[in-house]
Protein backbone atom coordinates (compact mmCIF):
# COMPACT_ATOMS: atom_id res chain seq x y z
CA MET A 1 39.35 -64.30 17.47
CA LYS A 2 42.63 -63.10 18.33
CA ARG A 3 42.11 -59.69 17.44
CA LEU A 4 39.20 -59.74 19.49
CA ALA A 5 40.66 -61.02 22.42
CA ILE A 6 43.64 -58.49 22.31
CA LEU A 7 41.31 -55.87 22.00
CA SER A 8 39.22 -56.82 24.92
CA LEU A 9 42.32 -57.25 27.07
CA ALA A 10 43.28 -53.79 25.94
CA CYS A 11 39.62 -52.53 27.23
CA CYS A 12 40.21 -54.53 30.51
CA LEU A 13 43.77 -52.95 31.51
CA ILE A 14 41.87 -49.11 30.55
CA CYS A 15 39.38 -49.47 32.60
CA PHE A 16 41.56 -51.14 35.51
CA TRP A 17 43.87 -48.52 35.44
CA GLY A 18 41.50 -45.49 34.44
CA ALA A 19 39.33 -46.51 37.52
CA PRO A 20 41.18 -44.72 40.30
CA ALA A 21 41.24 -41.60 38.25
CA LEU A 22 37.55 -41.05 38.36
CA ALA A 23 37.95 -40.59 41.92
CA ILE A 24 38.16 -36.92 43.24
CA THR A 25 41.24 -35.99 44.57
CA PRO A 26 41.22 -32.69 45.99
CA GLU A 27 45.23 -32.40 46.96
CA ALA A 28 46.02 -32.82 43.35
CA GLN A 29 44.01 -29.72 42.33
CA PRO A 30 45.52 -26.28 42.49
CA LYS A 31 46.03 -24.93 45.89
CA VAL A 32 43.78 -22.74 46.93
CA ILE A 33 46.05 -19.96 49.21
CA THR A 34 44.33 -19.18 52.44
CA SER A 35 44.97 -17.48 55.92
CA ALA A 36 43.35 -18.01 59.07
CA SER A 37 43.28 -14.76 61.99
CA LYS A 38 44.43 -17.22 64.30
CA ASN A 39 45.23 -20.95 64.40
CA VAL A 40 45.25 -21.93 68.23
CA VAL A 41 42.09 -21.23 70.29
CA GLU A 42 42.94 -21.67 74.04
CA ILE A 43 40.08 -22.83 76.25
CA GLY A 44 40.11 -21.47 80.15
CA LEU A 45 37.44 -21.72 82.61
CA SER A 46 35.66 -18.57 81.35
CA TYR A 47 35.91 -20.10 77.53
CA SER A 48 32.53 -19.05 75.76
CA GLY A 49 33.26 -19.65 72.12
CA ASP A 50 35.22 -17.97 69.67
CA LYS A 51 35.32 -16.31 65.87
CA ILE A 52 38.15 -17.09 63.74
CA PHE A 53 38.36 -15.22 60.11
CA PHE A 54 39.52 -16.61 56.79
CA PHE A 55 40.45 -15.13 54.09
CA GLY A 56 41.56 -17.12 50.50
CA VAL A 57 42.45 -16.52 46.53
CA ASN A 58 40.19 -18.22 44.24
CA PRO A 59 42.69 -19.98 41.74
CA ALA A 60 40.07 -19.79 39.25
CA PRO A 61 38.22 -16.42 39.42
CA GLY A 62 34.40 -16.30 39.01
CA ALA A 63 34.56 -19.92 40.69
CA ASP A 64 31.98 -20.55 43.74
CA VAL A 65 33.53 -21.45 46.80
CA VAL A 66 32.24 -24.14 49.36
CA ILE A 67 34.21 -24.42 53.11
CA LYS A 68 33.75 -26.76 55.24
CA LEU A 69 34.83 -27.50 58.88
CA THR A 70 35.21 -30.62 60.73
CA ALA A 71 37.23 -32.09 63.45
CA GLU A 72 39.77 -34.67 63.22
CA LYS A 73 38.35 -36.64 65.51
CA GLU A 74 34.96 -38.25 65.33
CA GLU A 75 32.96 -39.46 68.07
CA ALA A 76 30.40 -41.91 69.50
CA VAL A 77 27.12 -40.97 70.68
CA LYS A 78 23.95 -42.91 72.25
CA LEU A 79 20.78 -42.20 71.42
CA SER A 80 17.42 -43.19 72.82
CA VAL A 81 14.19 -44.01 71.00
CA LYS A 82 10.83 -43.49 72.61
CA GLY A 83 7.68 -45.54 72.42
CA LYS A 84 4.45 -45.82 73.88
CA VAL A 85 4.43 -48.54 76.47
CA GLY A 86 0.85 -48.77 77.41
CA PRO A 87 -0.61 -45.16 78.65
CA LEU A 88 3.21 -44.03 79.11
CA TRP A 89 5.90 -42.37 76.85
CA MET A 90 9.53 -44.24 77.57
CA THR A 91 12.55 -45.30 76.46
CA VAL A 92 12.24 -48.53 73.79
CA LYS A 93 15.36 -49.00 72.25
CA GLN A 94 19.21 -47.50 72.44
CA TYR A 95 21.08 -47.07 69.49
CA GLU A 96 25.26 -46.06 69.34
CA VAL A 97 26.06 -43.48 66.37
CA THR A 98 29.45 -44.02 65.13
CA ASN A 99 31.08 -42.65 62.04
CA SER A 100 29.62 -39.32 62.62
CA PRO A 101 31.70 -35.77 62.80
CA PHE A 102 31.79 -34.09 66.10
CA ILE A 103 31.58 -30.80 64.66
CA TYR A 104 30.49 -29.84 60.87
CA LYS A 105 29.94 -26.60 59.28
CA LEU A 106 29.54 -25.57 55.58
CA HIS A 107 29.47 -22.08 54.09
CA THR A 108 28.90 -21.85 50.41
CA SER A 109 28.71 -18.95 48.13
CA LYS A 110 25.76 -20.01 46.66
CA PRO A 111 22.87 -23.27 46.95
CA LEU A 112 25.14 -26.03 47.11
CA ASP A 113 22.96 -28.14 44.80
CA GLN A 114 23.41 -25.34 42.34
CA ILE A 115 27.21 -26.04 42.43
CA VAL A 116 28.10 -29.54 42.78
CA SER A 117 26.37 -32.49 41.68
CA LYS A 118 24.64 -35.00 44.43
CA GLU A 119 27.35 -37.65 43.01
CA THR A 120 30.09 -35.09 44.10
CA ALA A 121 28.65 -34.02 47.05
CA GLN A 122 28.49 -37.50 48.54
CA GLU A 123 32.27 -37.93 47.55
CA LEU A 124 33.57 -34.85 49.15
CA GLU A 125 31.17 -35.23 52.12
CA LEU A 126 29.56 -31.57 51.62
CA GLY A 127 26.21 -31.31 52.82
CA TYR A 128 23.72 -33.11 55.73
CA ASP A 129 22.94 -36.06 53.28
CA ALA A 130 26.97 -37.08 52.84
CA VAL A 131 26.92 -36.80 56.65
CA ARG A 132 24.07 -39.10 57.01
CA GLY A 133 25.29 -41.24 54.41
CA LYS A 134 28.56 -42.02 56.39
CA MET A 135 26.63 -42.70 60.08
CA LYS A 136 26.81 -46.43 61.07
CA LEU A 137 23.91 -47.11 63.34
CA HIS A 138 24.55 -50.07 66.03
CA LEU A 139 21.54 -51.37 68.09
CA ILE A 140 22.16 -51.67 71.76
CA ARG A 141 19.09 -52.70 73.18
CA GLY A 142 15.27 -53.01 71.82
CA GLU A 143 14.12 -54.03 68.16
CA ALA A 144 15.25 -52.67 65.13
CA ALA A 145 13.08 -50.67 63.05
CA PRO A 146 13.23 -49.67 59.12
CA GLU A 147 12.57 -46.09 60.20
CA ASP A 148 15.02 -45.81 62.97
CA GLU A 149 17.33 -44.43 60.69
CA GLU A 150 15.48 -41.20 60.02
CA THR A 151 14.63 -40.84 63.47
CA VAL A 152 17.87 -41.22 64.91
CA TRP A 153 19.25 -38.89 62.57
CA LYS A 154 16.76 -36.45 63.20
CA GLY A 155 17.58 -36.81 67.24
CA LEU A 156 21.52 -36.38 66.42
CA LEU A 157 20.81 -33.43 63.85
CA LYS A 158 18.97 -31.83 66.37
CA ILE A 159 21.38 -32.18 69.07
CA LYS A 160 24.01 -31.10 67.03
CA GLU A 161 22.55 -27.92 66.20
CA ARG A 162 21.25 -27.26 69.11
CA ALA A 163 24.59 -27.05 70.80
CA THR A 164 25.50 -25.00 67.40
CA LEU A 165 28.23 -28.11 66.39
CA TYR A 166 26.39 -28.58 63.07
CA ASN A 167 25.20 -26.01 60.78
CA ILE A 168 25.26 -25.20 56.94
CA VAL A 169 24.90 -21.43 55.61
CA GLU A 170 24.15 -21.29 52.08
CA ASP A 171 24.45 -17.53 51.51
CA PRO A 172 26.72 -14.98 49.51
CA ALA A 173 26.80 -12.54 52.68
CA ARG A 174 28.14 -14.98 54.89
CA LEU A 175 30.93 -15.87 52.32
CA GLU A 176 32.02 -12.86 50.34
CA ILE A 177 34.03 -13.13 46.89
CA SER A 178 35.32 -9.74 46.07
CA GLU A 179 36.19 -9.30 42.09
CA GLY A 180 35.25 -12.87 41.57
CA LYS A 181 38.86 -14.06 43.19
CA LEU A 182 39.15 -13.02 46.94
CA PHE A 183 37.17 -14.49 49.49
CA LYS A 184 36.62 -14.18 53.22
CA HIS A 185 34.24 -15.72 55.70
CA TYR A 186 34.47 -16.73 59.77
CA PHE A 187 33.49 -19.53 61.77
CA ARG A 188 31.94 -19.49 65.46
CA PHE A 189 33.55 -22.11 67.59
CA PRO A 190 31.24 -23.00 69.92
CA PRO A 191 31.65 -23.21 73.74
CA ALA A 192 30.78 -26.97 72.73
CA ALA A 193 33.91 -27.22 70.89
CA THR A 194 36.68 -29.66 72.86
CA GLU A 195 40.26 -29.79 72.90
CA GLY A 196 41.77 -31.39 69.49
CA ARG A 197 42.50 -30.28 65.75
CA TYR A 198 40.27 -29.05 63.57
CA GLN A 199 40.27 -28.69 59.63
CA VAL A 200 38.92 -26.01 57.48
CA GLU A 201 39.06 -27.00 53.81
CA SER A 202 38.09 -24.90 51.00
CA PHE A 203 36.95 -26.04 47.64
CA CYS A 204 36.19 -24.17 44.67
CA PHE A 205 34.14 -25.18 41.60
CA GLN A 206 33.81 -24.34 38.07
CA LYS A 207 30.39 -25.90 36.14
CA GLY A 208 30.67 -28.59 38.82
CA GLU A 209 33.86 -29.52 38.41
CA LEU A 210 36.30 -29.44 41.30
CA VAL A 211 39.32 -26.38 40.19
CA GLY A 212 41.11 -25.91 43.66
CA TYR A 213 41.30 -26.97 47.23
CA GLY A 214 43.03 -25.88 50.09
CA LYS A 215 43.42 -26.95 54.00
CA ASP A 216 43.77 -25.26 57.72
CA ILE A 217 44.50 -26.71 60.66
CA ILE A 218 43.15 -24.91 63.69
CA GLU A 219 44.18 -26.05 67.32
CA ILE A 220 42.19 -25.88 70.22
CA LYS A 221 43.98 -26.42 73.53
CA LYS A 222 43.03 -25.89 77.25
CA VAL A 223 45.34 -23.63 79.24
CA GLY A 224 45.43 -22.84 83.42
CA LEU A 225 43.45 -24.58 85.48
CA GLU A 226 41.31 -26.41 83.28
CA HIS A 227 44.32 -27.84 81.48
CA TRP A 228 46.19 -28.68 84.68
CA LEU A 229 42.65 -30.61 86.17
CA THR A 230 42.61 -32.40 82.77
CA GLN A 231 46.46 -33.60 83.19
CA THR A 232 45.81 -34.55 86.46
CA SER A 233 42.85 -36.62 86.12
CA GLN A 234 44.73 -38.33 83.05
CA ASN A 235 47.93 -39.20 84.50
CA GLN A 236 47.27 -38.99 88.37
CA PRO A 237 43.85 -40.50 88.81
CA VAL A 238 44.60 -41.51 92.14
CA PHE A 239 45.79 -38.56 93.33
CA PHE A 240 42.72 -36.63 91.73
CA GLY A 241 39.88 -39.04 93.28
CA ILE A 242 41.39 -37.95 96.29
CA MET A 243 41.54 -34.11 95.69
CA ALA A 244 37.95 -34.43 94.36
CA VAL A 245 36.62 -36.49 97.87
CA VAL A 246 39.00 -33.82 99.83
CA ILE A 247 36.89 -31.00 98.22
CA ALA A 248 33.51 -32.27 98.34
CA VAL A 249 33.81 -33.06 102.12
CA ALA A 250 35.08 -29.52 103.12
CA ALA A 251 32.25 -27.88 100.73
CA GLY A 252 30.08 -30.17 102.62
CA LEU A 253 31.64 -28.86 105.88
CA LEU A 254 31.53 -25.42 105.17
CA VAL A 255 27.85 -25.55 103.94
CA GLY A 256 26.95 -27.36 107.33
CA VAL A 257 28.58 -24.69 108.93
CA LEU A 258 27.04 -21.79 107.43
CA PHE A 259 23.54 -23.35 107.83
CA GLY A 260 24.51 -24.51 111.38
CA LYS A 261 25.28 -20.57 112.13
CA GLY A 262 21.73 -19.40 110.69
CA GLY A 263 19.83 -21.95 112.82
CA HIS A 264 20.95 -20.57 116.09
CA HIS A 265 18.87 -17.00 115.17
């Protein structure tokens, strides 16, 4: 009995100390050396998006590559669900979606399900299923229904893809790998991309196992008049409000004068 008790205790200790090792820790993997064509994107009044190229060295020649773009910030999005009330279609409930990335883009050297298992993809937040799995719904008004999660997810995805903030490209032509080691690709930062820090993570897999990881940081910042307006609205809200009213009044007077002159002809 004593030997059995000691053996049981040893097994428990092994399980206790071994459990954290089961989790995938990207930072502990061999570093993927990467470089970006630029690390700072400046947004002015004429900003219409940008394209940034990325280059990297695969630490395990021949390994599959997955690249993920996300923002360091998350956002809360309010989505309405429409339903039929009598003969009319109208908003019958509203949800607030949290814990969803502001931007989510994924490039893979071949279909994701041929590179990693669903469990690994979920843990590393690779693919739409992982994004949906993290999403949290908060009912604002109306009555919840089991099918609401699917409806809200489809609505959120449609909005994000239309703004080109979400997309997944599983195409070796887009993520080129030369001689099994050097890779290059690019991400488009759409006009909807806002000020903040964005991270580009590079994952290298061999037979489904993570064998390399790297990360680049891209900063988007406002410059010129747009930067001044943003800073003024945040730091001097009273002055900004007065200025907005003065501009609106001046614009109204100008329109009145122009149309007033035209009325005399």
